Amino acid sequence: MLREFYPSRVICPFLLILLSFTLSYSQPDIGYMELIESTDGLSQPIELSSAPGDVSGRLFIVQKTGEIRIWDGGAVLPTPFLNINVLVQDVGEQGLLSMAFHPQYATNGFFYVYYNDNTEPNGNITVARYQVSLDPNIANQSSATILASIPKPFENHNGGHLQFRVEGGVPYLYFATGDGGNGNDPFNNAQDPASLLGKMLRINVDAPSPVVEIWGRGLRNPFRWSFDRSTGDMWIADVGQGTREEINFLSGASTGANFGWPCREGKLPNGAAPSAGDCDTVAAVAIDPIFDYPTGNDSGRSVIGGYVYRGAAFPSLQGYYLFTDYFSNRLLLIQPSSGGGWSVVEKTPTPAVSNIASISEDGSGELYAISLTGNAVYRITVPAVMPLLLTKFSVKPYAGYNELLWTAESEHDIEKFIVEYSKDGTNFMAVGNVTSLNDGNTNNYSFRHLTNQFEKAYYRLRINEMNNTHSYSAVITIGGTRMSGVKMYPTIVRNAQLNIVAGYPVDKLRITSMGGQEVLAKDLNGAEGFFMVSIPGLQKGFYVVSVQGKDGQTVQKILVE
């Protein structure tokens, strides 16, 4: 049974005046803090969620292969929360793609999954309900109830995100499907009111007999979309065919929309749309995206939608919508501009992270980047601008204590360094402090944290100034199976400084031109942890940086501007 909710014309008339935008570029001020590393046991993580009312801080990581894993704040639990890989077709774009918890999960234990069923050649889009067992870390594998099974003509264009929005006390589960695949939507599924493909759909999961309702149409492959938790606004990133990647916006008061595909790609008409599309009619009612960009190697080829930041940790991010591109790894932020349009800002996060399959949100509104091929999870942060230059920061384990070492330059009006420690990389506590010499010179500091624990530990410095303000250093880690390699950032160098985080002692740094000619070589003398390397005198252009130690070598391409 299907029901449609469509206006006769554009749902949000004010959108007609919100289509202008400005694109600007600025210095990096967003960072990716590695929370779960590839060595922690994840396999093709694709999304992250947290349970309503769960004060434990657990994160539920969806794996494309068909499992949901739990990170308990310190480690990935060895037994999956749910394992349905025998049901999931994990081929190309297909797999277990999303999960969502019922708003009343704390009392009813229901959660929902979105996957491609392996019983059909093209992987039916399947939405199923499961329930947690008596063990809060294990789901009841036999509790499945299928709410939707949608056949597809081809393997690609699967959509892939579930999210609840409570409307008038009714918990609606929303999900967006792709058009079914191939080029130019040959069966006109996205516009066909009899098809569930290429649509924004919803289900009242508490209804006695839940039915699928068509809420919006005209989508190509809305792999990642979201609701703003504060306003209910809907943001949809729709992956383009070969011309434009697009971001669509609908206010929380909207009741549906036509997004234009296959008659339009982004804001451009698609001359190859099927004749059944009736594009003259579609053009009269379809809304334009608020932002689109050309599909290409530099700009990207697969937009990955994120969320509007509503967390408390980084006030400067408040109200920004964040999204990225799976192939180019660009990170862009959108917010309303004072002129009635939209302001679009491109950032260069550090360190660089590749193949982000989702920007996910936890129960507190904090955001995470999930690297599908890197098998890692990163928390999105806003690094503070420090009132000094911290050129080194490292930690080494000894019997009964961990020793932290750091080097600071140009100290002025600094009161002290507070050493903060965490078991999970999120919740930090002070374990001691060191008074700043505050003499404007280069000074070396050390601190011993007395501990007999050998699990993973995270450290950062809180730098207190005389005027009662403070800032934080980068986070470093020790113990467990944490970082074993070398990371270099930023990949776009503008101030002749390269930041390096080494998981083992490194001895040599070598920079060559793209033609292989050596332009700079430096001895690093066994440095490890976080440190900075000055790379002056390089002309603008691309270079290859090699960092080598007895335990390995890391190579990174950088751009000097």
Protein backbone atom coordinates (compact mmCIF):
# COMPACT_ATOMS: atom_id res chain seq x y z
CA MET A 1 0.00 0.00 0.00
CA LEU A 2 1.37 3.40 -0.99
CA ARG A 3 0.43 6.94 -0.10
CA GLU A 4 1.85 10.09 -1.67
CA PHE A 5 2.33 13.53 -0.19
CA TYR A 6 2.97 16.15 -2.89
CA PRO A 7 2.10 19.78 -3.40
CA SER A 8 0.78 21.03 -6.71
CA ARG A 9 3.87 23.24 -6.97
CA VAL A 10 7.01 24.01 -4.99
CA ILE A 11 6.49 23.20 -1.30
CA CYS A 12 8.71 25.94 0.11
CA PRO A 13 8.20 29.15 -1.87
CA PHE A 14 10.96 30.88 0.09
CA LEU A 15 13.45 28.49 -1.49
CA LEU A 16 13.09 30.46 -4.70
CA ILE A 17 15.00 33.32 -3.11
CA LEU A 18 17.57 31.12 -1.36
CA LEU A 19 19.35 29.76 -4.39
CA SER A 20 22.26 32.19 -4.45
CA PHE A 21 25.45 31.21 -2.67
CA THR A 22 29.03 32.29 -2.21
CA LEU A 23 31.97 29.89 -2.20
CA SER A 24 35.04 30.83 -0.19
CA TYR A 25 38.26 29.15 0.84
CA SER A 26 39.94 29.58 4.20
CA GLN A 27 42.81 28.24 6.26
CA PRO A 28 42.27 24.83 7.86
CA ASP A 29 40.37 25.05 11.14
CA ILE A 30 38.75 21.61 11.23
CA GLY A 31 40.56 18.48 12.31
CA TYR A 32 39.95 14.75 12.23
CA MET A 33 40.88 13.08 15.54
CA GLU A 34 41.31 9.35 15.07
CA LEU A 35 39.00 7.60 17.52
CA ILE A 36 38.97 4.03 16.17
CA GLU A 37 41.96 2.94 14.10
CA SER A 38 42.15 0.28 11.39
CA THR A 39 43.98 -2.05 13.75
CA ASP A 40 41.04 -2.01 16.18
CA GLY A 41 39.15 -4.61 14.14
CA LEU A 42 36.60 -2.81 11.96
CA SER A 43 35.92 -4.04 8.42
CA GLN A 44 34.39 -1.62 5.89
CA PRO A 45 32.66 0.71 8.39
CA ILE A 46 30.06 2.77 6.57
CA GLU A 47 27.98 4.61 9.21
CA LEU A 48 27.78 5.28 12.94
CA SER A 49 24.90 5.74 15.35
CA SER A 50 24.15 5.91 19.07
CA ALA A 51 21.11 4.75 21.02
CA PRO A 52 18.65 7.29 22.50
CA GLY A 53 18.99 7.51 26.25
CA ASP A 54 22.22 5.49 26.32
CA VAL A 55 24.41 7.28 28.87
CA SER A 56 27.27 4.79 28.43
CA GLY A 57 28.55 6.63 25.37
CA ARG A 58 28.59 3.51 23.18
CA LEU A 59 28.88 3.98 19.44
CA PHE A 60 27.27 1.49 17.04
CA ILE A 61 29.29 1.12 13.83
CA VAL A 62 27.56 -0.28 10.75
CA GLN A 63 29.81 -2.44 8.58
CA LYS A 64 28.99 -2.80 4.90
CA THR A 65 29.75 -6.52 5.18
CA GLY A 66 26.62 -7.08 7.29
CA GLU A 67 27.63 -6.55 10.92
CA ILE A 68 27.04 -3.86 13.52
CA ARG A 69 29.93 -3.44 15.97
CA ILE A 70 29.97 -1.63 19.32
CA TRP A 71 32.72 0.70 20.48
CA ASP A 72 32.37 0.96 24.26
CA GLY A 73 34.53 4.04 24.70
CA GLY A 74 37.79 2.14 24.87
CA ALA A 75 37.65 -0.76 22.43
CA VAL A 76 35.58 -2.41 19.70
CA LEU A 77 33.77 -5.32 21.34
CA PRO A 78 34.75 -8.68 19.83
CA THR A 79 31.17 -9.94 19.36
CA PRO A 80 29.03 -7.98 16.87
CA PHE A 81 25.83 -6.39 18.16
CA LEU A 82 24.15 -7.81 15.04
CA ASN A 83 25.50 -10.12 12.34
CA ILE A 84 23.29 -10.58 9.26
CA ASN A 85 26.00 -11.05 6.65
CA VAL A 86 24.29 -14.27 5.49
CA LEU A 87 21.36 -12.06 4.37
CA VAL A 88 23.33 -9.18 2.86
CA GLN A 89 24.52 -8.77 -0.72
CA ASP A 90 27.83 -6.97 -0.30
CA VAL A 91 28.77 -6.15 -3.91
CA GLY A 92 29.94 -2.75 -5.20
CA GLU A 93 27.64 -0.08 -3.75
CA GLN A 94 25.50 -2.67 -1.99
CA GLY A 95 25.64 -4.01 1.53
CA LEU A 96 24.36 -3.21 5.01
CA LEU A 97 24.15 0.57 4.63
CA SER A 98 22.43 2.07 7.67
CA MET A 99 20.74 1.61 11.04
CA ALA A 100 18.42 3.74 13.19
CA PHE A 101 17.15 3.36 16.74
CA HIS A 102 13.48 3.79 17.65
CA PRO A 103 13.04 7.03 19.64
CA GLN A 104 11.78 4.83 22.51
CA TYR A 105 14.61 2.32 22.21
CA ALA A 106 15.34 2.58 25.94
CA THR A 107 11.96 0.96 26.67
CA ASN A 108 11.11 -1.11 23.57
CA GLY A 109 14.58 -2.14 22.33
CA PHE A 110 13.67 -1.73 18.64
CA PHE A 111 16.15 -0.72 15.97
CA TYR A 112 16.03 -0.78 12.16
CA VAL A 113 18.47 -1.70 9.41
CA TYR A 114 18.72 -0.90 5.69
CA TYR A 115 20.44 -3.46 3.44
CA ASN A 116 20.48 -5.18 0.06
CA ASP A 117 18.98 -8.64 0.27
CA ASN A 118 21.08 -11.38 -1.33
CA THR A 119 18.10 -13.51 -2.36
CA GLU A 120 17.57 -11.49 -5.55
CA PRO A 121 20.21 -10.86 -8.26
CA ASN A 122 20.07 -7.06 -7.98
CA GLY A 123 19.73 -6.93 -4.19
CA ASN A 124 16.27 -5.83 -3.08
CA ILE A 125 16.36 -2.76 -0.84
CA THR A 126 15.26 -4.12 2.53
CA VAL A 127 14.22 -2.31 5.70
CA ALA A 128 13.87 -4.59 8.74
CA ARG A 129 13.19 -4.18 12.43
CA TYR A 130 15.20 -6.01 15.09
CA GLN A 131 15.15 -5.97 18.89
CA VAL A 132 17.93 -6.02 21.45
CA SER A 133 18.29 -9.15 23.61
CA LEU A 134 18.58 -9.24 27.39
CA ASP A 135 22.27 -8.48 26.85
CA PRO A 136 22.43 -4.76 25.89
CA ASN A 137 25.45 -5.46 23.69
CA ILE A 138 23.80 -8.25 21.66
CA ALA A 139 20.73 -8.05 19.42
CA ASN A 140 18.19 -10.84 19.08
CA GLN A 141 19.12 -12.31 15.68
CA SER A 142 15.73 -14.03 15.34
CA SER A 143 13.61 -10.92 16.00
CA ALA A 144 13.56 -9.64 12.40
CA THR A 145 10.40 -8.14 10.93
CA ILE A 146 10.60 -6.99 7.30
CA LEU A 147 8.94 -3.59 6.81
CA ALA A 148 9.92 -3.02 3.17
CA SER A 149 11.40 -5.07 0.34
CA ILE A 150 11.86 -3.05 -2.86
CA PRO A 151 12.99 -4.81 -6.06
CA LYS A 152 15.62 -3.13 -8.25
CA PRO A 153 16.32 -3.47 -11.99
CA PHE A 154 20.10 -2.98 -11.58
CA GLU A 155 22.72 -3.33 -8.82
CA ASN A 156 23.71 0.32 -8.36
CA HIS A 157 21.90 3.41 -6.97
CA ASN A 158 20.71 1.96 -3.66
CA GLY A 159 20.26 5.06 -1.51
CA GLY A 160 21.18 4.04 1.99
CA HIS A 161 20.27 6.03 5.14
CA LEU A 162 17.62 5.60 7.86
CA GLN A 163 16.57 8.34 10.28
CA PHE A 164 13.61 9.05 12.54
CA ARG A 165 11.64 12.28 12.79
CA VAL A 166 8.82 12.49 15.33
CA GLU A 167 5.86 14.43 13.91
CA GLY A 168 2.84 15.12 16.11
CA GLY A 169 3.97 12.37 18.44
CA VAL A 170 4.24 9.85 15.58
CA PRO A 171 7.67 8.23 15.04
CA TYR A 172 8.21 8.25 11.28
CA LEU A 173 11.16 6.27 9.94
CA TYR A 174 12.44 8.03 6.80
CA PHE A 175 14.64 6.48 4.13
CA ALA A 176 15.66 7.52 0.62
CA THR A 177 16.04 5.07 -2.26
CA GLY A 178 18.06 5.37 -5.45
CA ASP A 179 16.42 5.22 -8.87
CA GLY A 180 17.32 1.56 -9.35
CA GLY A 181 20.50 2.04 -11.36
CA ASN A 182 21.92 2.27 -14.86
CA GLY A 183 22.10 5.60 -16.71
CA ASN A 184 19.43 8.29 -16.99
CA ASP A 185 16.86 6.26 -15.01
CA PRO A 186 15.70 4.29 -18.09
CA PHE A 187 12.41 3.19 -16.48
CA ASN A 188 11.64 6.68 -15.11
CA ASN A 189 11.42 5.21 -11.60
CA ALA A 190 12.27 8.49 -9.86
CA GLN A 191 9.17 10.22 -11.30
CA ASP A 192 6.83 7.21 -11.49
CA PRO A 193 4.28 7.44 -8.62
CA ALA A 194 3.83 3.66 -8.76
CA SER A 195 7.53 3.00 -8.04
CA LEU A 196 9.29 3.21 -4.66
CA LEU A 197 12.64 3.89 -6.34
CA GLY A 198 14.14 7.37 -6.55
CA LYS A 199 11.97 8.49 -3.63
CA MET A 200 12.08 9.83 -0.11
CA LEU A 201 9.92 7.37 1.83
CA ARG A 202 8.65 7.08 5.36
CA ILE A 203 6.92 4.55 7.62
CA ASN A 204 4.92 5.06 10.81
CA VAL A 205 6.60 2.18 12.61
CA ASP A 206 4.11 2.25 15.51
CA ALA A 207 1.09 1.76 13.26
CA PRO A 208 -0.71 -1.61 13.66
CA SER A 209 0.07 -2.36 10.01
CA PRO A 210 2.96 -0.11 8.93
CA VAL A 211 2.84 1.02 5.30
CA VAL A 212 5.39 2.75 3.10
CA GLU A 213 4.45 6.34 2.20
CA ILE A 214 6.02 8.29 -0.67
CA TRP A 215 7.09 11.67 0.75
CA GLY A 216 9.24 13.02 -2.09
CA ARG A 217 10.32 12.03 -5.61
CA GLY A 218 12.91 12.82 -8.27
CA LEU A 219 16.08 11.50 -6.57
CA ARG A 220 18.95 9.69 -8.31
CA ASN A 221 21.11 8.21 -5.53
CA PRO A 222 20.61 9.96 -2.17
CA PHE A 223 23.18 7.81 -0.38
CA ARG A 224 23.55 10.18 2.59
CA TRP A 225 20.94 12.67 3.84
CA SER A 226 19.87 13.85 7.30
CA PHE A 227 17.54 15.85 9.52
CA ASP A 228 18.71 18.83 11.55
CA ARG A 229 18.00 17.70 15.12
CA SER A 230 17.16 21.26 16.22
CA THR A 231 14.84 22.38 13.39
CA GLY A 232 13.71 19.21 11.62
CA ASP A 233 15.07 20.61 8.33
CA MET A 234 15.96 17.97 5.74
CA TRP A 235 19.31 17.99 3.89
CA ILE A 236 19.79 15.60 0.96
CA ALA A 237 23.05 14.96 -0.86
CA ASP A 238 22.17 13.39 -4.23
CA VAL A 239 25.00 11.71 -6.12
CA GLY A 240 25.22 12.89 -9.74
CA GLN A 241 25.53 10.89 -12.94
CA GLY A 242 28.39 12.65 -14.68
CA THR A 243 27.67 16.37 -14.60
CA ARG A 244 26.66 17.71 -11.16
CA GLU A 245 26.69 16.67 -7.48
CA GLU A 246 23.95 18.40 -5.48
CA ILE A 247 22.74 19.40 -2.03
CA ASN A 248 18.99 19.84 -1.48
CA PHE A 249 17.33 21.56 1.46
CA LEU A 250 13.75 21.48 2.77
CA SER A 251 12.57 23.25 5.90
CA GLY A 252 11.12 21.23 8.75
CA ALA A 253 7.63 22.48 7.86
CA SER A 254 7.75 21.02 4.35
CA THR A 255 5.44 18.17 3.37
CA GLY A 256 7.33 16.80 0.36
CA ALA A 257 8.96 17.87 -2.90
CA ASN A 258 9.98 16.86 -6.41
CA PHE A 259 13.77 17.06 -6.74
CA GLY A 260 13.81 16.88 -10.54
CA TRP A 261 15.74 13.74 -11.54
CA PRO A 262 15.97 12.40 -14.27
CA CYS A 263 14.80 15.59 -15.97
CA ARG A 264 17.50 17.58 -14.20
CA GLU A 265 20.95 16.87 -12.79
CA GLY A 266 21.76 19.55 -10.28
CA LYS A 267 20.40 22.76 -11.81
CA LEU A 268 21.04 21.61 -15.39
CA PRO A 269 18.50 19.97 -17.72
CA ASN A 270 19.22 16.35 -18.64
CA GLY A 271 18.64 15.93 -22.37
CA ALA A 272 18.95 12.14 -22.06
CA ALA A 273 15.98 11.74 -19.70
CA PRO A 274 13.47 9.06 -20.79
CA SER A 275 10.54 10.33 -22.79
CA ALA A 276 8.18 8.96 -20.12
CA GLY A 277 9.62 11.52 -17.74
CA ASP A 278 7.30 14.31 -18.93
CA CYS A 279 10.02 16.82 -18.14
CA ASP A 280 7.96 19.89 -19.01
CA THR A 281 5.62 19.03 -16.16
CA VAL A 282 8.48 18.16 -13.82
CA ALA A 283 10.33 21.40 -14.56
CA ALA A 284 7.29 23.39 -13.46
CA VAL A 285 7.19 21.86 -9.96
CA ALA A 286 10.73 20.64 -9.15
CA ILE A 287 12.86 22.52 -6.64
CA ASP A 288 16.48 23.47 -7.32
CA PRO A 289 19.32 22.34 -5.08
CA ILE A 290 20.76 25.07 -2.88
CA PHE A 291 24.25 24.07 -4.01
CA ASP A 292 25.74 21.91 -6.74
CA TYR A 293 29.24 21.38 -8.07
CA PRO A 294 30.69 19.82 -11.21
CA THR A 295 31.46 16.13 -11.26
CA GLY A 296 35.18 15.68 -11.93
CA ASN A 297 38.45 14.36 -10.56
CA ASP A 298 39.34 17.57 -8.69
CA SER A 299 35.92 18.56 -7.34
CA GLY A 300 34.72 15.00 -6.73
CA ARG A 301 32.49 12.29 -8.12
CA SER A 302 30.30 11.18 -5.24
CA VAL A 303 28.85 13.68 -2.77
CA ILE A 304 28.55 12.41 0.82
CA GLY A 305 25.97 14.28 2.85
CA GLY A 306 26.48 14.97 6.54
CA TYR A 307 24.67 16.82 9.31
CA VAL A 308 24.12 20.27 10.73
CA TYR A 309 26.42 20.49 13.74
CA ARG A 310 24.40 20.80 16.96
CA GLY A 311 26.95 19.56 19.49
CA ALA A 312 28.33 21.50 22.44
CA ALA A 313 32.07 20.86 22.11
CA PHE A 314 32.79 23.31 19.26
CA PRO A 315 30.61 26.45 19.38
CA SER A 316 32.23 27.88 16.23
CA LEU A 317 30.73 25.01 14.21
CA GLN A 318 27.20 25.56 15.50
CA GLY A 319 24.62 25.69 12.69
CA TYR A 320 26.94 24.64 9.87
CA TYR A 321 25.96 21.76 7.58
CA LEU A 322 29.02 19.61 6.80
CA PHE A 323 29.43 17.39 3.74
CA THR A 324 32.25 15.81 1.78
CA ASP A 325 33.00 13.86 -1.40
CA TYR A 326 34.04 10.21 -1.36
CA PHE A 327 36.65 10.59 -4.09
CA SER A 328 38.08 14.11 -3.73
CA ASN A 329 37.84 14.17 0.11
CA ARG A 330 36.83 17.86 0.02
CA LEU A 331 35.04 19.07 3.14
CA LEU A 332 32.50 21.86 2.71
CA LEU A 333 30.33 23.78 5.17
CA ILE A 334 27.03 25.52 4.38
CA GLN A 335 25.04 28.00 6.45
CA PRO A 336 22.49 30.71 5.62
CA SER A 337 24.08 33.99 4.57
CA SER A 338 23.00 37.44 5.66
CA GLY A 339 21.80 38.24 2.13
CA GLY A 340 19.13 35.55 2.14
CA GLY A 341 21.17 32.94 0.28
CA TRP A 342 23.73 30.42 1.40
CA SER A 343 27.39 30.70 2.31
CA VAL A 344 29.56 27.74 1.26
CA VAL A 345 33.04 27.43 2.77
CA GLU A 346 35.66 24.84 1.81
CA LYS A 347 37.97 23.59 4.57
CA THR A 348 41.18 21.56 4.59
CA PRO A 349 40.92 19.20 7.58
CA THR A 350 44.05 17.83 9.17
CA PRO A 351 45.11 15.11 8.93
CA ALA A 352 43.74 14.18 5.52
CA VAL A 353 41.26 11.26 5.51
CA SER A 354 40.32 9.33 2.38
CA ASN A 355 37.13 7.60 1.20
CA ILE A 356 34.72 8.96 3.81
CA ALA A 357 31.48 6.98 3.40
CA SER A 358 29.51 9.03 5.91
CA ILE A 359 29.60 11.95 8.28
CA SER A 360 27.63 10.55 11.21
CA GLU A 361 26.08 12.07 14.34
CA ASP A 362 26.03 10.72 17.89
CA GLY A 363 23.39 11.28 20.55
CA SER A 364 25.02 14.53 21.69
CA GLY A 365 25.19 16.07 18.23
CA GLU A 366 28.93 15.50 17.80
CA LEU A 367 30.06 14.49 14.31
CA TYR A 368 32.31 11.70 13.03
CA ALA A 369 33.91 10.86 9.69
CA ILE A 370 33.83 7.17 8.73
CA SER A 371 36.56 5.95 6.36
CA LEU A 372 35.30 2.91 4.45
CA THR A 373 38.62 1.77 3.02
CA GLY A 374 40.68 2.97 5.99
CA ASN A 375 38.56 0.93 8.43
CA ALA A 376 38.70 3.86 10.84
CA VAL A 377 36.47 6.36 12.64
CA TYR A 378 37.47 10.00 13.22
CA ARG A 379 35.86 12.59 15.43
CA ILE A 380 35.42 15.96 13.72
CA THR A 381 37.04 18.66 15.83
CA VAL A 382 37.95 22.35 15.74
CA PRO A 383 41.59 22.72 16.77
CA ALA A 384 42.16 25.78 18.91
CA VAL A 385 44.67 28.43 17.88
CA MET A 386 47.35 28.19 20.56
CA PRO A 387 49.06 31.26 22.06
CA LEU A 388 52.44 29.64 21.41
CA LEU A 389 54.11 27.30 18.95
CA LEU A 390 54.07 23.71 20.20
CA THR A 391 56.72 22.06 18.04
CA LYS A 392 56.89 18.64 19.74
CA PHE A 393 54.58 16.57 21.91
CA SER A 394 55.19 12.86 22.62
CA VAL A 395 54.67 10.18 25.23
CA LYS A 396 56.72 7.10 26.17
CA PRO A 397 55.83 4.24 28.54
CA TYR A 398 58.01 3.24 31.48
CA ALA A 399 57.54 0.92 34.45
CA GLY A 400 54.89 2.58 36.59
CA TYR A 401 54.47 5.76 34.55
CA ASN A 402 54.08 7.38 31.13
CA GLU A 403 56.45 10.26 30.40
CA LEU A 404 55.17 13.17 28.34
CA LEU A 405 57.63 15.47 26.59
CA TRP A 406 56.88 18.68 24.73
CA THR A 407 58.69 21.67 23.26
CA ALA A 408 57.14 25.15 23.18
CA GLU A 409 58.35 28.26 21.41
CA SER A 410 57.42 31.94 21.80
CA GLU A 411 55.67 31.63 25.15
CA HIS A 412 54.00 34.86 26.22
CA ASP A 413 51.40 35.33 28.95
CA ILE A 414 51.13 31.58 29.56
CA GLU A 415 50.31 30.48 33.12
CA LYS A 416 50.71 26.69 32.96
CA PHE A 417 50.26 23.48 31.00
CA ILE A 418 47.61 21.11 32.37
CA VAL A 419 48.12 17.49 31.32
CA GLU A 420 44.80 15.79 30.54
CA TYR A 421 44.28 12.03 30.20
CA SER A 422 41.48 9.96 28.67
CA LYS A 423 40.69 6.28 28.21
CA ASP A 424 38.34 6.83 25.25
CA GLY A 425 39.64 9.95 23.48
CA THR A 426 36.49 11.91 24.37
CA ASN A 427 36.24 12.27 28.15
CA PHE A 428 39.44 13.87 29.51
CA MET A 429 40.52 14.46 33.10
CA ALA A 430 43.41 16.51 34.48
CA VAL A 431 46.26 14.43 35.95
CA GLY A 432 48.76 17.19 36.70
CA ASN A 433 50.22 20.50 35.58
CA VAL A 434 53.53 22.16 34.75
CA THR A 435 54.16 25.88 35.25
CA SER A 436 55.17 27.74 32.10
CA LEU A 437 58.60 29.42 32.02
CA ASN A 438 56.89 32.12 29.99
CA ASP A 439 60.14 33.74 28.85
CA GLY A 440 59.55 33.95 25.11
CA ASN A 441 62.25 31.34 24.41
CA THR A 442 62.17 27.74 23.22
CA ASN A 443 61.66 25.48 26.25
CA ASN A 444 61.47 21.74 26.82
CA TYR A 445 59.01 20.33 29.34
CA SER A 446 58.26 16.91 30.79
CA PHE A 447 55.63 15.30 33.01
CA ARG A 448 55.30 11.82 34.50
CA HIS A 449 51.81 10.35 34.71
CA LEU A 450 51.95 7.60 37.34
CA THR A 451 50.00 4.61 35.99
CA ASN A 452 50.33 0.85 35.74
CA GLN A 453 47.72 0.52 33.00
CA PHE A 454 48.76 -0.82 29.63
CA GLU A 455 45.55 -0.14 27.69
CA LYS A 456 45.14 2.64 25.17
CA ALA A 457 45.54 6.09 26.64
CA TYR A 458 44.99 9.53 25.16
CA TYR A 459 46.77 12.71 26.26
CA ARG A 460 46.44 16.39 25.45
CA LEU A 461 47.73 19.65 26.90
CA ARG A 462 45.40 22.34 28.13
CA ILE A 463 47.34 25.61 27.81
CA ASN A 464 46.12 28.16 30.36
CA GLU A 465 46.78 31.83 29.68
CA MET A 466 47.12 34.65 32.21
CA ASN A 467 43.82 36.19 31.04
CA ASN A 468 41.85 33.06 32.14
CA THR A 469 41.43 31.72 28.61
CA HIS A 470 42.79 28.39 27.41
CA SER A 471 43.42 26.26 24.33
CA TYR A 472 44.29 22.64 23.61
CA SER A 473 47.11 20.80 21.88
CA ALA A 474 46.72 17.91 19.47
CA VAL A 475 45.74 14.59 21.04
CA ILE A 476 48.42 11.89 21.19
CA THR A 477 47.98 8.22 22.07
CA ILE A 478 49.89 5.36 23.63
CA GLY A 479 49.33 1.68 24.33
CA GLY A 480 47.05 -0.98 22.91
CA THR A 481 47.21 -1.40 19.16
CA ARG A 482 47.07 2.28 18.44
CA MET A 483 48.86 4.06 15.68
CA SER A 484 51.70 2.12 14.11
CA GLY A 485 52.47 4.35 11.14
CA VAL A 486 53.26 7.96 10.29
CA LYS A 487 50.83 10.73 9.42
CA MET A 488 51.73 14.04 7.80
CA TYR A 489 49.52 17.10 7.51
CA PRO A 490 48.41 19.47 6.14
CA THR A 491 48.54 18.15 2.59
CA ILE A 492 48.21 21.75 1.40
CA VAL A 493 51.15 23.62 2.96
CA ARG A 494 50.89 27.41 3.19
CA ASN A 495 53.26 28.35 6.05
CA ALA A 496 56.37 26.21 5.33
CA GLN A 497 55.52 23.96 8.29
CA LEU A 498 54.71 20.25 8.09
CA ASN A 499 53.11 18.48 11.07
CA ILE A 500 54.10 14.86 11.66
CA VAL A 501 52.64 12.28 14.04
CA ALA A 502 54.88 9.22 14.18
CA GLY A 503 53.89 5.95 15.80
CA TYR A 504 57.51 4.78 15.84
CA PRO A 505 60.93 6.55 15.86
CA VAL A 506 61.75 8.14 12.51
CA ASP A 507 65.19 9.17 11.33
CA LYS A 508 65.02 10.78 7.90
CA LEU A 509 62.75 13.16 5.99
CA ARG A 510 63.23 13.53 2.25
CA ILE A 511 61.28 15.76 -0.14
CA THR A 512 61.46 15.29 -3.89
CA SER A 513 59.85 17.02 -6.85
CA MET A 514 57.28 15.11 -8.87
CA GLY A 515 60.12 14.35 -11.29
CA GLY A 516 62.13 12.62 -8.55
CA GLN A 517 64.71 15.35 -7.85
CA GLU A 518 65.59 15.77 -4.17
CA VAL A 519 64.86 19.30 -2.94
CA LEU A 520 65.17 18.89 0.84
CA ALA A 521 66.55 16.31 3.29
CA LYS A 522 66.53 16.44 7.10
CA ASP A 523 67.70 14.23 9.96
CA LEU A 524 64.88 13.56 12.43
CA ASN A 525 67.06 11.77 15.00
CA GLY A 526 64.52 9.20 16.16
CA ALA A 527 61.66 11.65 16.72
CA GLU A 528 58.22 10.21 17.46
CA GLY A 529 54.80 11.39 18.59
CA PHE A 530 53.79 14.85 17.37
CA PHE A 531 56.41 17.25 16.02
CA MET A 532 56.75 20.00 13.42
CA VAL A 533 59.26 20.20 10.59
CA SER A 534 60.18 23.45 8.85
CA ILE A 535 60.31 23.09 5.04
CA PRO A 536 61.36 26.55 3.83
CA GLY A 537 62.32 27.63 0.35
CA LEU A 538 60.08 25.32 -1.66
CA GLN A 539 58.50 26.76 -4.80
CA LYS A 540 54.75 26.41 -5.30
CA GLY A 541 53.72 23.03 -6.65
CA PHE A 542 53.40 19.34 -5.81
CA TYR A 543 56.07 17.36 -3.93
CA VAL A 544 56.54 13.88 -2.49
CA VAL A 545 57.50 13.63 1.19
CA SER A 546 59.15 10.46 2.52
CA VAL A 547 59.60 9.82 6.25
CA GLN A 548 61.67 6.79 7.17
CA GLY A 549 62.61 4.89 10.33
CA LYS A 550 63.86 1.42 11.08
CA ASP A 551 60.25 0.19 11.45
CA GLY A 552 58.98 1.48 8.11
CA GLN A 553 58.59 4.26 5.58
CA THR A 554 55.64 6.54 4.77
CA VAL A 555 55.22 8.54 1.57
CA GLN A 556 52.77 11.45 1.19
CA LYS A 557 52.10 13.88 -1.66
CA ILE A 558 51.77 17.54 -0.63
CA LEU A 559 50.94 20.79 -2.37
CA VAL A 560 52.94 23.90 -1.47
CA GLU A 561 51.02 27.14 -2.03
